């Protein structure tokens, strides 16, 4: 069974499960680059033909470029979604030269003449210039350097303002999972109204939504990696470790009923939600490939949702709209962010 695709724009399709590459950027253990390239080939052969990366993921664009060079036939089937994330300290001087440099660097690293999808992020919503920066990227799109534009980590209010300004968006990437329902408050409705697809990350909470955490005591600092640190905070907002364990038990029961893993159930739930085009999966190696086939074949029914609904009704957060709490540099979520990752690499 091949992985299904979704049409993000006329003539442009992406695999519904996207291979996320954040884990290849450091902070999750040493990266074997030779094996990483071989794994990329295996994922494309299995039908995961879309990769997600970013300008500030250390070495990841270059690693995908290496894959493209070493496996040209498979690379012809590949879509690469990258990001343009101006540094926090450059937002006051985010001019055409700076943004064009980011895009040109991504083109060079990936070894392509046009970027498939550039997803834009703006750290400080109080700082003017966001829409003007997107206007520059729109110019680069008209020049042929970019095929499609999207957003990443914007709330509903600014997403609407950007669309009203005439910026040609096809997607918005936000955190969305059984633990984080913030997109359901307003963003999903806006995307339905304006024809944007939602690309979701955090689907498995950095691996915390898995059998290995079922029945385990609440972990304490320091946690194993940056993903666990980030998503442990989300679990606390969701309702705490006890409610999280109830969710894991329900997912396990559903998975047992269907002969799949609890993470498979959590992923299927996400891609079944309204306006969700794709789920970005942090698959670290080919050992995860069997899960892609299980997710593809899985269909959740009323009995499954009846187990989940009472637990989800007791969620206490996360609060606010998409990425609002992460933007608070003094808050629990904002303090762990890295705001100036393009410094020294531009």
C-alpha atoms as a PDB file:
ATOM      1  CA  UNK A   1       0.000   0.000   0.000  1.00  0.00           C
ATOM      2  CA  UNK A   2       1.431   3.387  -1.006  1.00  0.00           C
ATOM      3  CA  UNK A   3       1.116   6.550   1.042  1.00  0.00           C
ATOM      4  CA  UNK A   4      -1.767   8.735  -0.081  1.00  0.00           C
ATOM      5  CA  UNK A   5      -1.185  12.317  -1.181  1.00  0.00           C
ATOM      6  CA  UNK A   6      -3.091  15.559  -0.854  1.00  0.00           C
ATOM      7  CA  UNK A   7      -3.323  18.447  -3.306  1.00  0.00           C
ATOM      8  CA  UNK A   8      -1.982  21.529  -1.529  1.00  0.00           C
ATOM      9  CA  UNK A   9      -2.373  23.675  -4.650  1.00  0.00           C
ATOM     10  CA  UNK A  10      -3.471  22.998  -8.220  1.00  0.00           C
ATOM     11  CA  UNK A  11      -0.892  20.650  -9.682  1.00  0.00           C
ATOM     12  CA  UNK A  12       1.072  20.341  -6.436  1.00  0.00           C
ATOM     13  CA  UNK A  13       0.665  17.280  -4.235  1.00  0.00           C
ATOM     14  CA  UNK A  14       2.440  16.207  -1.045  1.00  0.00           C
ATOM     15  CA  UNK A  15       2.432  12.895   0.790  1.00  0.00           C
ATOM     16  CA  UNK A  16      -0.076  12.948   3.669  1.00  0.00           C
ATOM     17  CA  UNK A  17       2.698  11.759   5.969  1.00  0.00           C
ATOM     18  CA  UNK A  18       5.705  14.054   5.699  1.00  0.00           C
ATOM     19  CA  UNK A  19       9.176  13.100   6.877  1.00  0.00           C
ATOM     20  CA  UNK A  20      10.180  15.771   9.377  1.00  0.00           C
ATOM     21  CA  UNK A  21      13.909  16.418   9.551  1.00  0.00           C
ATOM     22  CA  UNK A  22      14.280  18.468  12.755  1.00  0.00           C
ATOM     23  CA  UNK A  23      15.898  15.503  14.506  1.00  0.00           C
ATOM     24  CA  UNK A  24      18.743  15.613  11.976  1.00  0.00           C
ATOM     25  CA  UNK A  25      19.639  19.146  13.067  1.00  0.00           C
ATOM     26  CA  UNK A  26      21.265  18.192  16.379  1.00  0.00           C
ATOM     27  CA  UNK A  27      20.020  17.943  19.924  1.00  0.00           C
ATOM     28  CA  UNK A  28      18.695  14.420  19.373  1.00  0.00           C
ATOM     29  CA  UNK A  29      21.924  12.449  19.325  1.00  0.00           C
ATOM     30  CA  UNK A  30      24.756  12.091  16.817  1.00  0.00           C
ATOM     31  CA  UNK A  31      23.724  12.002  13.151  1.00  0.00           C
ATOM     32  CA  UNK A  32      25.254   9.416  10.814  1.00  0.00           C
ATOM     33  CA  UNK A  33      25.042  11.351   7.552  1.00  0.00           C
ATOM     34  CA  UNK A  34      25.639   8.358   5.301  1.00  0.00           C
ATOM     35  CA  UNK A  35      22.858   6.405   6.985  1.00  0.00           C
ATOM     36  CA  UNK A  36      20.590   9.450   6.988  1.00  0.00           C
ATOM     37  CA  UNK A  37      20.886   9.702   3.202  1.00  0.00           C
ATOM     38  CA  UNK A  38      20.172   5.982   2.801  1.00  0.00           C
ATOM     39  CA  UNK A  39      17.134   6.366   5.043  1.00  0.00           C
ATOM     40  CA  UNK A  40      15.866   9.255   2.910  1.00  0.00           C
ATOM     41  CA  UNK A  41      16.043   6.985  -0.123  1.00  0.00           C
ATOM     42  CA  UNK A  42      14.071   4.288   1.671  1.00  0.00           C
ATOM     43  CA  UNK A  43      11.368   6.741   2.737  1.00  0.00           C
ATOM     44  CA  UNK A  44      10.894   8.071  -0.792  1.00  0.00           C
ATOM     45  CA  UNK A  45      10.766   4.530  -2.157  1.00  0.00           C
ATOM     46  CA  UNK A  46       8.056   3.759   0.425  1.00  0.00           C
ATOM     47  CA  UNK A  47       5.953   6.725  -0.714  1.00  0.00           C
ATOM     48  CA  UNK A  48       6.913   9.417   1.819  1.00  0.00           C
ATOM     49  CA  UNK A  49       7.945  11.745  -0.953  1.00  0.00           C
ATOM     50  CA  UNK A  50       7.747  14.993   1.025  1.00  0.00           C
ATOM     51  CA  UNK A  51      10.397  16.175   3.498  1.00  0.00           C
ATOM     52  CA  UNK A  52      10.095  19.094   5.913  1.00  0.00           C
ATOM     53  CA  UNK A  53      13.166  21.124   6.865  1.00  0.00           C
ATOM     54  CA  UNK A  54      14.184  24.740   7.537  1.00  0.00           C
ATOM     55  CA  UNK A  55      16.811  27.324   6.755  1.00  0.00           C
ATOM     56  CA  UNK A  56      17.987  27.193  10.385  1.00  0.00           C
ATOM     57  CA  UNK A  57      18.054  23.403  10.854  1.00  0.00           C
ATOM     58  CA  UNK A  58      21.807  22.928  11.010  1.00  0.00           C
ATOM     59  CA  UNK A  59      23.100  21.011   7.949  1.00  0.00           C
ATOM     60  CA  UNK A  60      19.687  19.520   7.104  1.00  0.00           C
ATOM     61  CA  UNK A  61      19.125  21.317   3.802  1.00  0.00           C
ATOM     62  CA  UNK A  62      22.654  20.326   2.750  1.00  0.00           C
ATOM     63  CA  UNK A  63      21.954  16.725   3.774  1.00  0.00           C
ATOM     64  CA  UNK A  64      18.824  16.653   1.604  1.00  0.00           C
ATOM     65  CA  UNK A  65      20.901  18.198  -1.179  1.00  0.00           C
ATOM     66  CA  UNK A  66      23.363  15.338  -0.798  1.00  0.00           C
ATOM     67  CA  UNK A  67      20.497  12.857  -1.086  1.00  0.00           C
ATOM     68  CA  UNK A  68      19.318  14.593  -4.255  1.00  0.00           C
ATOM     69  CA  UNK A  69      22.807  14.361  -5.736  1.00  0.00           C
ATOM     70  CA  UNK A  70      23.375  10.706  -4.831  1.00  0.00           C
ATOM     71  CA  UNK A  71      19.858   9.485  -5.739  1.00  0.00           C
ATOM     72  CA  UNK A  72      18.706  11.611  -8.704  1.00  0.00           C
ATOM     73  CA  UNK A  73      15.938   9.226  -9.811  1.00  0.00           C
ATOM     74  CA  UNK A  74      14.355   9.245  -6.351  1.00  0.00           C
ATOM     75  CA  UNK A  75      14.974  12.975  -6.006  1.00  0.00           C
ATOM     76  CA  UNK A  76      12.747  13.520  -9.041  1.00  0.00           C
ATOM     77  CA  UNK A  77       9.825  12.271  -6.910  1.00  0.00           C
ATOM     78  CA  UNK A  78      10.699  14.473  -3.915  1.00  0.00           C
ATOM     79  CA  UNK A  79       9.012  17.609  -2.575  1.00  0.00           C
ATOM     80  CA  UNK A  80      10.956  19.643  -0.020  1.00  0.00           C
ATOM     81  CA  UNK A  81       9.178  22.043   2.325  1.00  0.00           C
ATOM     82  CA  UNK A  82      11.667  24.419   3.871  1.00  0.00           C
ATOM     83  CA  UNK A  83      11.277  27.566   5.980  1.00  0.00           C
ATOM     84  CA  UNK A  84      12.372  31.167   5.988  1.00  0.00           C
ATOM     85  CA  UNK A  85      12.856  32.263   9.599  1.00  0.00           C
ATOM     86  CA  UNK A  86      14.471  35.696   9.967  1.00  0.00           C
ATOM     87  CA  UNK A  87      16.404  35.979  13.215  1.00  0.00           C
ATOM     88  CA  UNK A  88      14.635  37.745  16.064  1.00  0.00           C
ATOM     89  CA  UNK A  89      17.366  40.382  16.187  1.00  0.00           C
ATOM     90  CA  UNK A  90      17.067  41.066  12.425  1.00  0.00           C
ATOM     91  CA  UNK A  91      13.340  41.783  12.346  1.00  0.00           C
ATOM     92  CA  UNK A  92      13.975  45.538  12.491  1.00  0.00           C
ATOM     93  CA  UNK A  93      16.213  45.303   9.404  1.00  0.00           C
ATOM     94  CA  UNK A  94      14.662  42.401   7.506  1.00  0.00           C
ATOM     95  CA  UNK A  95      15.234  43.790   4.035  1.00  0.00           C
ATOM     96  CA  UNK A  96      15.216  42.349   0.512  1.00  0.00           C
ATOM     97  CA  UNK A  97      18.951  41.574   0.560  1.00  0.00           C
ATOM     98  CA  UNK A  98      18.679  39.611   3.803  1.00  0.00           C
ATOM     99  CA  UNK A  99      15.621  37.593   2.742  1.00  0.00           C
ATOM    100  CA  UNK A 100      16.959  36.939  -0.751  1.00  0.00           C
ATOM    101  CA  UNK A 101      20.157  35.657   0.835  1.00  0.00           C
ATOM    102  CA  UNK A 102      18.210  33.144   2.942  1.00  0.00           C
ATOM    103  CA  UNK A 103      16.334  31.887  -0.111  1.00  0.00           C
ATOM    104  CA  UNK A 104      19.456  31.713  -2.294  1.00  0.00           C
ATOM    105  CA  UNK A 105      21.264  29.789   0.426  1.00  0.00           C
ATOM    106  CA  UNK A 106      18.429  27.247   0.605  1.00  0.00           C
ATOM    107  CA  UNK A 107      18.474  26.860  -3.185  1.00  0.00           C
ATOM    108  CA  UNK A 108      22.224  26.234  -3.119  1.00  0.00           C
ATOM    109  CA  UNK A 109      22.120  23.774  -0.238  1.00  0.00           C
ATOM    110  CA  UNK A 110      19.255  21.781  -1.707  1.00  0.00           C
ATOM    111  CA  UNK A 111      20.748  21.847  -5.197  1.00  0.00           C
ATOM    112  CA  UNK A 112      17.579  23.078  -6.895  1.00  0.00           C
ATOM    113  CA  UNK A 113      16.557  26.047  -9.031  1.00  0.00           C
ATOM    114  CA  UNK A 114      13.187  26.495  -7.323  1.00  0.00           C
ATOM    115  CA  UNK A 115      12.001  25.808  -3.767  1.00  0.00           C
ATOM    116  CA  UNK A 116       8.789  23.756  -3.660  1.00  0.00           C
ATOM    117  CA  UNK A 117       7.294  25.409  -0.556  1.00  0.00           C
ATOM    118  CA  UNK A 118       8.752  28.138   1.642  1.00  0.00           C
ATOM    119  CA  UNK A 119       7.061  28.443   5.043  1.00  0.00           C
ATOM    120  CA  UNK A 120       7.578  31.847   6.644  1.00  0.00           C
ATOM    121  CA  UNK A 121       7.877  32.621  10.363  1.00  0.00           C
ATOM    122  CA  UNK A 122       8.052  35.960  12.184  1.00  0.00           C
ATOM    123  CA  UNK A 123       9.174  35.820  15.812  1.00  0.00           C
ATOM    124  CA  UNK A 124       7.774  39.061  17.212  1.00  0.00           C
ATOM    125  CA  UNK A 125       4.224  40.008  16.250  1.00  0.00           C
ATOM    126  CA  UNK A 126       4.665  43.405  17.907  1.00  0.00           C
ATOM    127  CA  UNK A 127       7.436  44.233  15.427  1.00  0.00           C
ATOM    128  CA  UNK A 128       6.148  45.718  12.144  1.00  0.00           C
ATOM    129  CA  UNK A 129       7.391  44.371   8.833  1.00  0.00           C
ATOM    130  CA  UNK A 130       5.947  40.866   8.646  1.00  0.00           C
ATOM    131  CA  UNK A 131       3.626  41.462   5.701  1.00  0.00           C
ATOM    132  CA  UNK A 132       6.287  43.519   3.918  1.00  0.00           C
ATOM    133  CA  UNK A 133       8.729  40.604   4.292  1.00  0.00           C
ATOM    134  CA  UNK A 134       6.153  38.243   2.824  1.00  0.00           C
ATOM    135  CA  UNK A 135       5.733  40.702  -0.029  1.00  0.00           C
ATOM    136  CA  UNK A 136       9.434  40.299  -0.780  1.00  0.00           C
ATOM    137  CA  UNK A 137       9.043  36.515  -0.771  1.00  0.00           C
ATOM    138  CA  UNK A 138       6.065  36.933  -3.122  1.00  0.00           C
ATOM    139  CA  UNK A 139       8.375  38.857  -5.460  1.00  0.00           C
ATOM    140  CA  UNK A 140      10.871  35.980  -5.316  1.00  0.00           C
ATOM    141  CA  UNK A 141       8.006  33.633  -6.124  1.00  0.00           C
ATOM    142  CA  UNK A 142       7.187  35.668  -9.224  1.00  0.00           C
ATOM    143  CA  UNK A 143      10.859  35.533 -10.165  1.00  0.00           C
ATOM    144  CA  UNK A 144      10.706  31.735 -10.059  1.00  0.00           C
ATOM    145  CA  UNK A 145      12.867  31.057  -6.997  1.00  0.00           C
ATOM    146  CA  UNK A 146       9.858  29.839  -4.994  1.00  0.00           C
ATOM    147  CA  UNK A 147       6.954  27.720  -6.251  1.00  0.00           C
ATOM    148  CA  UNK A 148       4.601  28.099  -3.273  1.00  0.00           C
ATOM    149  CA  UNK A 149       4.371  30.090  -0.050  1.00  0.00           C
ATOM    150  CA  UNK A 150       3.040  29.071   3.340  1.00  0.00           C
ATOM    151  CA  UNK A 151       3.239  30.109   6.966  1.00  0.00           C
ATOM    152  CA  UNK A 152       4.506  28.393  10.062  1.00  0.00           C
ATOM    153  CA  UNK A 153       3.452  29.180  13.636  1.00  0.00           C
ATOM    154  CA  UNK A 154       1.102  32.095  13.050  1.00  0.00           C
ATOM    155  CA  UNK A 155      -2.085  32.732  14.976  1.00  0.00           C
ATOM    156  CA  UNK A 156      -5.445  33.230  13.295  1.00  0.00           C
ATOM    157  CA  UNK A 157      -5.531  37.021  13.508  1.00  0.00           C
ATOM    158  CA  UNK A 158      -2.275  37.595  11.654  1.00  0.00           C
ATOM    159  CA  UNK A 159      -2.975  34.773   9.194  1.00  0.00           C
ATOM    160  CA  UNK A 160      -6.158  36.595   8.222  1.00  0.00           C
ATOM    161  CA  UNK A 161      -4.301  39.904   7.877  1.00  0.00           C
ATOM    162  CA  UNK A 162      -1.695  38.280   5.635  1.00  0.00           C
ATOM    163  CA  UNK A 163      -4.360  36.741   3.411  1.00  0.00           C
ATOM    164  CA  UNK A 164      -6.264  40.022   3.264  1.00  0.00           C
ATOM    165  CA  UNK A 165      -3.028  41.700   2.100  1.00  0.00           C
ATOM    166  CA  UNK A 166      -3.076  39.442  -0.969  1.00  0.00           C
ATOM    167  CA  UNK A 167      -0.133  37.186  -0.063  1.00  0.00           C
ATOM    168  CA  UNK A 168      -0.603  33.947  -2.074  1.00  0.00           C
ATOM    169  CA  UNK A 169      -0.522  31.270   0.632  1.00  0.00           C
ATOM    170  CA  UNK A 170      -1.354  27.595   0.177  1.00  0.00           C
ATOM    171  CA  UNK A 171      -0.713  26.249   3.700  1.00  0.00           C
ATOM    172  CA  UNK A 172       0.027  26.979   7.323  1.00  0.00           C
ATOM    173  CA  UNK A 173       2.106  24.708   9.536  1.00  0.00           C
ATOM    174  CA  UNK A 174       1.099  24.586  13.205  1.00  0.00           C
ATOM    175  CA  UNK A 175       1.295  22.262  16.169  1.00  0.00           C
ATOM    176  CA  UNK A 176      -1.812  20.051  16.270  1.00  0.00           C
ATOM    177  CA  UNK A 177      -2.336  16.802  18.113  1.00  0.00           C
ATOM    178  CA  UNK A 178      -4.572  15.057  20.620  1.00  0.00           C
ATOM    179  CA  UNK A 179      -2.658  17.087  23.224  1.00  0.00           C
ATOM    180  CA  UNK A 180      -2.871  20.467  21.491  1.00  0.00           C
ATOM    181  CA  UNK A 181      -6.225  21.578  20.119  1.00  0.00           C
ATOM    182  CA  UNK A 182      -5.399  25.271  19.592  1.00  0.00           C
ATOM    183  CA  UNK A 183      -5.991  25.173  15.800  1.00  0.00           C
ATOM    184  CA  UNK A 184      -9.596  24.122  16.441  1.00  0.00           C
ATOM    185  CA  UNK A 185     -10.438  27.402  18.170  1.00  0.00           C
ATOM    186  CA  UNK A 186     -10.319  29.650  15.085  1.00  0.00           C
ATOM    187  CA  UNK A 187      -7.602  28.722  12.620  1.00  0.00           C
ATOM    188  CA  UNK A 188      -9.273  25.663  11.083  1.00  0.00           C
ATOM    189  CA  UNK A 189     -12.393  27.669  10.263  1.00  0.00           C
ATOM    190  CA  UNK A 190     -10.313  30.405   8.613  1.00  0.00           C
ATOM    191  CA  UNK A 191      -8.401  27.832   6.574  1.00  0.00           C
ATOM    192  CA  UNK A 192     -11.655  26.254   5.411  1.00  0.00           C
ATOM    193  CA  UNK A 193     -12.967  29.677   4.433  1.00  0.00           C
ATOM    194  CA  UNK A 194      -9.823  30.732   2.563  1.00  0.00           C
ATOM    195  CA  UNK A 195      -8.691  27.400   1.106  1.00  0.00           C
ATOM    196  CA  UNK A 196      -5.496  26.836   3.127  1.00  0.00           C
ATOM    197  CA  UNK A 197      -4.313  23.369   4.061  1.00  0.00           C
ATOM    198  CA  UNK A 198      -3.062  22.772   7.609  1.00  0.00           C
ATOM    199  CA  UNK A 199       0.264  20.956   7.937  1.00  0.00           C
ATOM    200  CA  UNK A 200       0.630  19.542  11.437  1.00  0.00           C
ATOM    201  CA  UNK A 201       3.667  18.930  13.594  1.00  0.00           C
ATOM    202  CA  UNK A 202       3.847  17.604  17.143  1.00  0.00           C
ATOM    203  CA  UNK A 203       1.577  14.738  16.121  1.00  0.00           C
ATOM    204  CA  UNK A 204       3.348  12.308  18.476  1.00  0.00           C
ATOM    205  CA  UNK A 205       4.647  14.952  20.905  1.00  0.00           C
ATOM    206  CA  UNK A 206       8.265  14.214  20.106  1.00  0.00           C
ATOM    207  CA  UNK A 207       7.770  10.499  20.828  1.00  0.00           C
ATOM    208  CA  UNK A 208       5.958  10.923  24.146  1.00  0.00           C
ATOM    209  CA  UNK A 209       2.737   9.644  22.560  1.00  0.00           C
ATOM    210  CA  UNK A 210       4.077   6.097  22.419  1.00  0.00           C
ATOM    211  CA  UNK A 211       3.941   2.754  24.194  1.00  0.00           C
ATOM    212  CA  UNK A 212       7.274   3.422  25.867  1.00  0.00           C
ATOM    213  CA  UNK A 213       5.647   6.067  28.092  1.00  0.00           C
ATOM    214  CA  UNK A 214       2.536   4.065  28.970  1.00  0.00           C
ATOM    215  CA  UNK A 215       2.416   3.454  32.725  1.00  0.00           C
ATOM    216  CA  UNK A 216       5.638   5.358  33.329  1.00  0.00           C
ATOM    217  CA  UNK A 217       6.120   7.879  36.150  1.00  0.00           C
ATOM    218  CA  UNK A 218       6.271  11.541  35.229  1.00  0.00           C
ATOM    219  CA  UNK A 219       9.817  12.376  34.062  1.00  0.00           C
ATOM    220  CA  UNK A 220      11.852  15.113  35.680  1.00  0.00           C
ATOM    221  CA  UNK A 221      14.517  17.456  34.338  1.00  0.00           C
ATOM    222  CA  UNK A 222      16.819  17.051  32.582  1.00  0.00           C
ATOM    223  CA  UNK A 223      14.857  15.264  29.869  1.00  0.00           C
ATOM    224  CA  UNK A 224      16.452  13.191  27.125  1.00  0.00           C
ATOM    225  CA  UNK A 225      16.290  15.772  24.321  1.00  0.00           C
ATOM    226  CA  UNK A 226      14.839  19.095  23.216  1.00  0.00           C
ATOM    227  CA  UNK A 227      11.672  17.477  21.874  1.00  0.00           C
ATOM    228  CA  UNK A 228      10.849  15.892  25.209  1.00  0.00           C
ATOM    229  CA  UNK A 229      11.473  19.210  26.960  1.00  0.00           C
ATOM    230  CA  UNK A 230       9.145  21.023  24.560  1.00  0.00           C
ATOM    231  CA  UNK A 231       6.305  18.521  24.611  1.00  0.00           C
ATOM    232  CA  UNK A 232       6.437  17.781  28.323  1.00  0.00           C
ATOM    233  CA  UNK A 233       5.333  21.402  28.751  1.00  0.00           C
ATOM    234  CA  UNK A 234       2.426  20.739  26.375  1.00  0.00           C
ATOM    235  CA  UNK A 235       1.407  17.712  28.458  1.00  0.00           C
ATOM    236  CA  UNK A 236       1.382  19.875  31.575  1.00  0.00           C
ATOM    237  CA  UNK A 237      -0.918  22.362  29.814  1.00  0.00           C
ATOM    238  CA  UNK A 238      -3.071  19.560  28.393  1.00  0.00           C
ATOM    239  CA  UNK A 239      -4.068  18.487  31.882  1.00  0.00           C
ATOM    240  CA  UNK A 240      -1.056  16.876  33.503  1.00  0.00           C
ATOM    241  CA  UNK A 241       0.588  13.479  33.581  1.00  0.00           C
ATOM    242  CA  UNK A 242      -2.400  11.564  34.977  1.00  0.00           C
ATOM    243  CA  UNK A 243      -4.727  12.724  32.199  1.00  0.00           C
ATOM    244  CA  UNK A 244      -1.948  12.019  29.705  1.00  0.00           C
ATOM    245  CA  UNK A 245      -1.761   8.441  31.002  1.00  0.00           C
ATOM    246  CA  UNK A 246      -5.528   8.099  30.556  1.00  0.00           C
ATOM    247  CA  UNK A 247      -5.093   9.200  26.954  1.00  0.00           C
ATOM    248  CA  UNK A 248      -2.281   6.690  26.394  1.00  0.00           C
ATOM    249  CA  UNK A 249      -4.439   3.896  27.832  1.00  0.00           C
ATOM    250  CA  UNK A 250      -7.329   4.815  25.549  1.00  0.00           C
ATOM    251  CA  UNK A 251      -5.041   4.929  22.527  1.00  0.00           C
ATOM    252  CA  UNK A 252      -3.583   1.572  23.498  1.00  0.00           C
ATOM    253  CA  UNK A 253      -7.052   0.044  23.716  1.00  0.00           C
ATOM    254  CA  UNK A 254      -7.977   1.401  20.297  1.00  0.00           C
ATOM    255  CA  UNK A 255      -4.686   0.231  18.839  1.00  0.00           C
ATOM    256  CA  UNK A 256      -5.158  -3.281  20.254  1.00  0.00           C
ATOM    257  CA  UNK A 257      -8.627  -3.414  18.717  1.00  0.00           C
ATOM    258  CA  UNK A 258      -7.224  -2.556  15.281  1.00  0.00           C
ATOM    259  CA  UNK A 259      -3.902  -4.374  15.572  1.00  0.00           C
ATOM    260  CA  UNK A 260      -1.796  -1.196  15.433  1.00  0.00           C
ATOM    261  CA  UNK A 261       0.303   0.896  17.802  1.00  0.00           C
ATOM    262  CA  UNK A 262      -1.018   3.733  19.916  1.00  0.00           C
ATOM    263  CA  UNK A 263       1.092   6.233  17.986  1.00  0.00           C
ATOM    264  CA  UNK A 264      -0.554   5.018  14.786  1.00  0.00           C
ATOM    265  CA  UNK A 265      -3.939   5.837  16.293  1.00  0.00           C
ATOM    266  CA  UNK A 266      -2.784   9.300  17.399  1.00  0.00           C
ATOM    267  CA  UNK A 267      -1.485  10.052  13.900  1.00  0.00           C
ATOM    268  CA  UNK A 268      -4.596   8.792  12.132  1.00  0.00           C
ATOM    269  CA  UNK A 269      -6.734  10.970  14.410  1.00  0.00           C
ATOM    270  CA  UNK A 270      -4.798  14.062  13.321  1.00  0.00           C
ATOM    271  CA  UNK A 271      -4.932  13.473   9.577  1.00  0.00           C
ATOM    272  CA  UNK A 272      -8.665  12.762   9.849  1.00  0.00           C
ATOM    273  CA  UNK A 273      -9.352  16.258  11.213  1.00  0.00           C
ATOM    274  CA  UNK A 274     -10.968  18.951   9.091  1.00  0.00           C
ATOM    275  CA  UNK A 275      -8.664  20.858   6.737  1.00  0.00           C
ATOM    276  CA  UNK A 276      -5.581  18.848   7.719  1.00  0.00           C
ATOM    277  CA  UNK A 277      -3.552  18.160   4.608  1.00  0.00           C
ATOM    278  CA  UNK A 278      -0.518  16.402   6.066  1.00  0.00           C
ATOM    279  CA  UNK A 279       1.063  15.281   9.325  1.00  0.00           C
ATOM    280  CA  UNK A 280       4.786  15.858   9.779  1.00  0.00           C
ATOM    281  CA  UNK A 281       6.364  12.829  11.415  1.00  0.00           C
ATOM    282  CA  UNK A 282       9.708  12.849  13.202  1.00  0.00           C
ATOM    283  CA  UNK A 283      10.736   9.473  11.838  1.00  0.00           C
ATOM    284  CA  UNK A 284      14.386   9.027  12.762  1.00  0.00           C
ATOM    285  CA  UNK A 285      15.100   5.810  10.854  1.00  0.00           C
ATOM    286  CA  UNK A 286      13.617   3.186   8.564  1.00  0.00           C
ATOM    287  CA  UNK A 287      12.409   1.192  11.560  1.00  0.00           C
ATOM    288  CA  UNK A 288       9.394   3.527  11.449  1.00  0.00           C
ATOM    289  CA  UNK A 289       8.435   2.559   7.891  1.00  0.00           C
ATOM    290  CA  UNK A 290       5.991  -0.217   8.906  1.00  0.00           C
ATOM    291  CA  UNK A 291       4.057   2.383  10.901  1.00  0.00           C
ATOM    292  CA  UNK A 292       3.394   4.379   7.740  1.00  0.00           C
ATOM    293  CA  UNK A 293       1.553   1.446   6.209  1.00  0.00           C
ATOM    294  CA  UNK A 294      -0.446   0.828   9.385  1.00  0.00           C
ATOM    295  CA  UNK A 295      -1.476   4.497   9.562  1.00  0.00           C
ATOM    296  CA  UNK A 296      -2.452   4.473   5.900  1.00  0.00           C
ATOM    297  CA  UNK A 297      -4.713   1.457   6.348  1.00  0.00           C
ATOM    298  CA  UNK A 298      -6.232   2.451   9.702  1.00  0.00           C
ATOM    299  CA  UNK A 299      -9.785   3.796   9.896  1.00  0.00           C
ATOM    300  CA  UNK A 300     -11.121   5.040  13.218  1.00  0.00           C
ATOM    301  CA  UNK A 301     -14.803   4.567  13.975  1.00  0.00           C
ATOM    302  CA  UNK A 302     -17.452   5.770  16.421  1.00  0.00           C
ATOM    303  CA  UNK A 303     -16.403   3.227  19.040  1.00  0.00           C
ATOM    304  CA  UNK A 304     -12.854   4.561  18.940  1.00  0.00           C
ATOM    305  CA  UNK A 305     -13.927   8.172  19.195  1.00  0.00           C
ATOM    306  CA  UNK A 306     -16.205   7.316  22.105  1.00  0.00           C
ATOM    307  CA  UNK A 307     -13.088   6.338  24.087  1.00  0.00           C
ATOM    308  CA  UNK A 308     -11.238   9.543  23.229  1.00  0.00           C
ATOM    309  CA  UNK A 309     -13.993  12.151  23.491  1.00  0.00           C
ATOM    310  CA  UNK A 310     -14.460  12.114  27.303  1.00  0.00           C
ATOM    311  CA  UNK A 311     -10.706  12.455  27.836  1.00  0.00           C
ATOM    312  CA  UNK A 312     -10.333  15.281  25.334  1.00  0.00           C
ATOM    313  CA  UNK A 313     -13.276  17.073  26.967  1.00  0.00           C
ATOM    314  CA  UNK A 314     -11.182  17.375  30.140  1.00  0.00           C
ATOM    315  CA  UNK A 315      -8.266  19.147  28.456  1.00  0.00           C
ATOM    316  CA  UNK A 316      -7.258  22.333  30.227  1.00  0.00           C
ATOM    317  CA  UNK A 317      -5.017  23.749  27.487  1.00  0.00           C
ATOM    318  CA  UNK A 318      -2.718  24.782  25.932  1.00  0.00           C
ATOM    319  CA  UNK A 319      -4.220  28.238  26.180  1.00  0.00           C
ATOM    320  CA  UNK A 320      -4.701  30.821  23.480  1.00  0.00           C
ATOM    321  CA  UNK A 321      -4.311  30.657  19.736  1.00  0.00           C
ATOM    322  CA  UNK A 322      -1.593  28.850  17.805  1.00  0.00           C
ATOM    323  CA  UNK A 323       1.934  29.625  19.026  1.00  0.00           C
ATOM    324  CA  UNK A 324       0.866  32.512  21.265  1.00  0.00           C
ATOM    325  CA  UNK A 325       2.359  31.014  24.429  1.00  0.00           C
ATOM    326  CA  UNK A 326       5.574  30.079  22.613  1.00  0.00           C
ATOM    327  CA  UNK A 327       6.086  33.726  21.597  1.00  0.00           C
ATOM    328  CA  UNK A 328       6.279  34.861  25.233  1.00  0.00           C
ATOM    329  CA  UNK A 329      10.052  34.972  25.729  1.00  0.00           C
ATOM    330  CA  UNK A 330       9.637  35.090  29.522  1.00  0.00           C
ATOM    331  CA  UNK A 331       7.128  32.234  29.679  1.00  0.00           C
ATOM    332  CA  UNK A 332       7.709  28.505  30.211  1.00  0.00           C
ATOM    333  CA  UNK A 333       7.458  27.740  26.501  1.00  0.00           C
ATOM    334  CA  UNK A 334       9.275  30.778  25.156  1.00  0.00           C
ATOM    335  CA  UNK A 335      12.306  30.402  27.384  1.00  0.00           C
ATOM    336  CA  UNK A 336      13.376  27.196  25.622  1.00  0.00           C
ATOM    337  CA  UNK A 337      13.211  28.666  22.087  1.00  0.00           C
ATOM    338  CA  UNK A 338      16.267  29.513  19.977  1.00  0.00           C
ATOM    339  CA  UNK A 339      15.586  32.866  18.376  1.00  0.00           C
ATOM    340  CA  UNK A 340      18.669  33.709  16.295  1.00  0.00           C
ATOM    341  CA  UNK A 341      19.632  30.523  14.512  1.00  0.00           C
ATOM    342  CA  UNK A 342      20.679  32.102  11.228  1.00  0.00           C
ATOM    343  CA  UNK A 343      23.464  34.145  12.834  1.00  0.00           C
ATOM    344  CA  UNK A 344      26.812  33.110  11.372  1.00  0.00           C
ATOM    345  CA  UNK A 345      25.197  30.926   8.706  1.00  0.00           C
ATOM    346  CA  UNK A 346      24.089  33.627   6.289  1.00  0.00           C
END
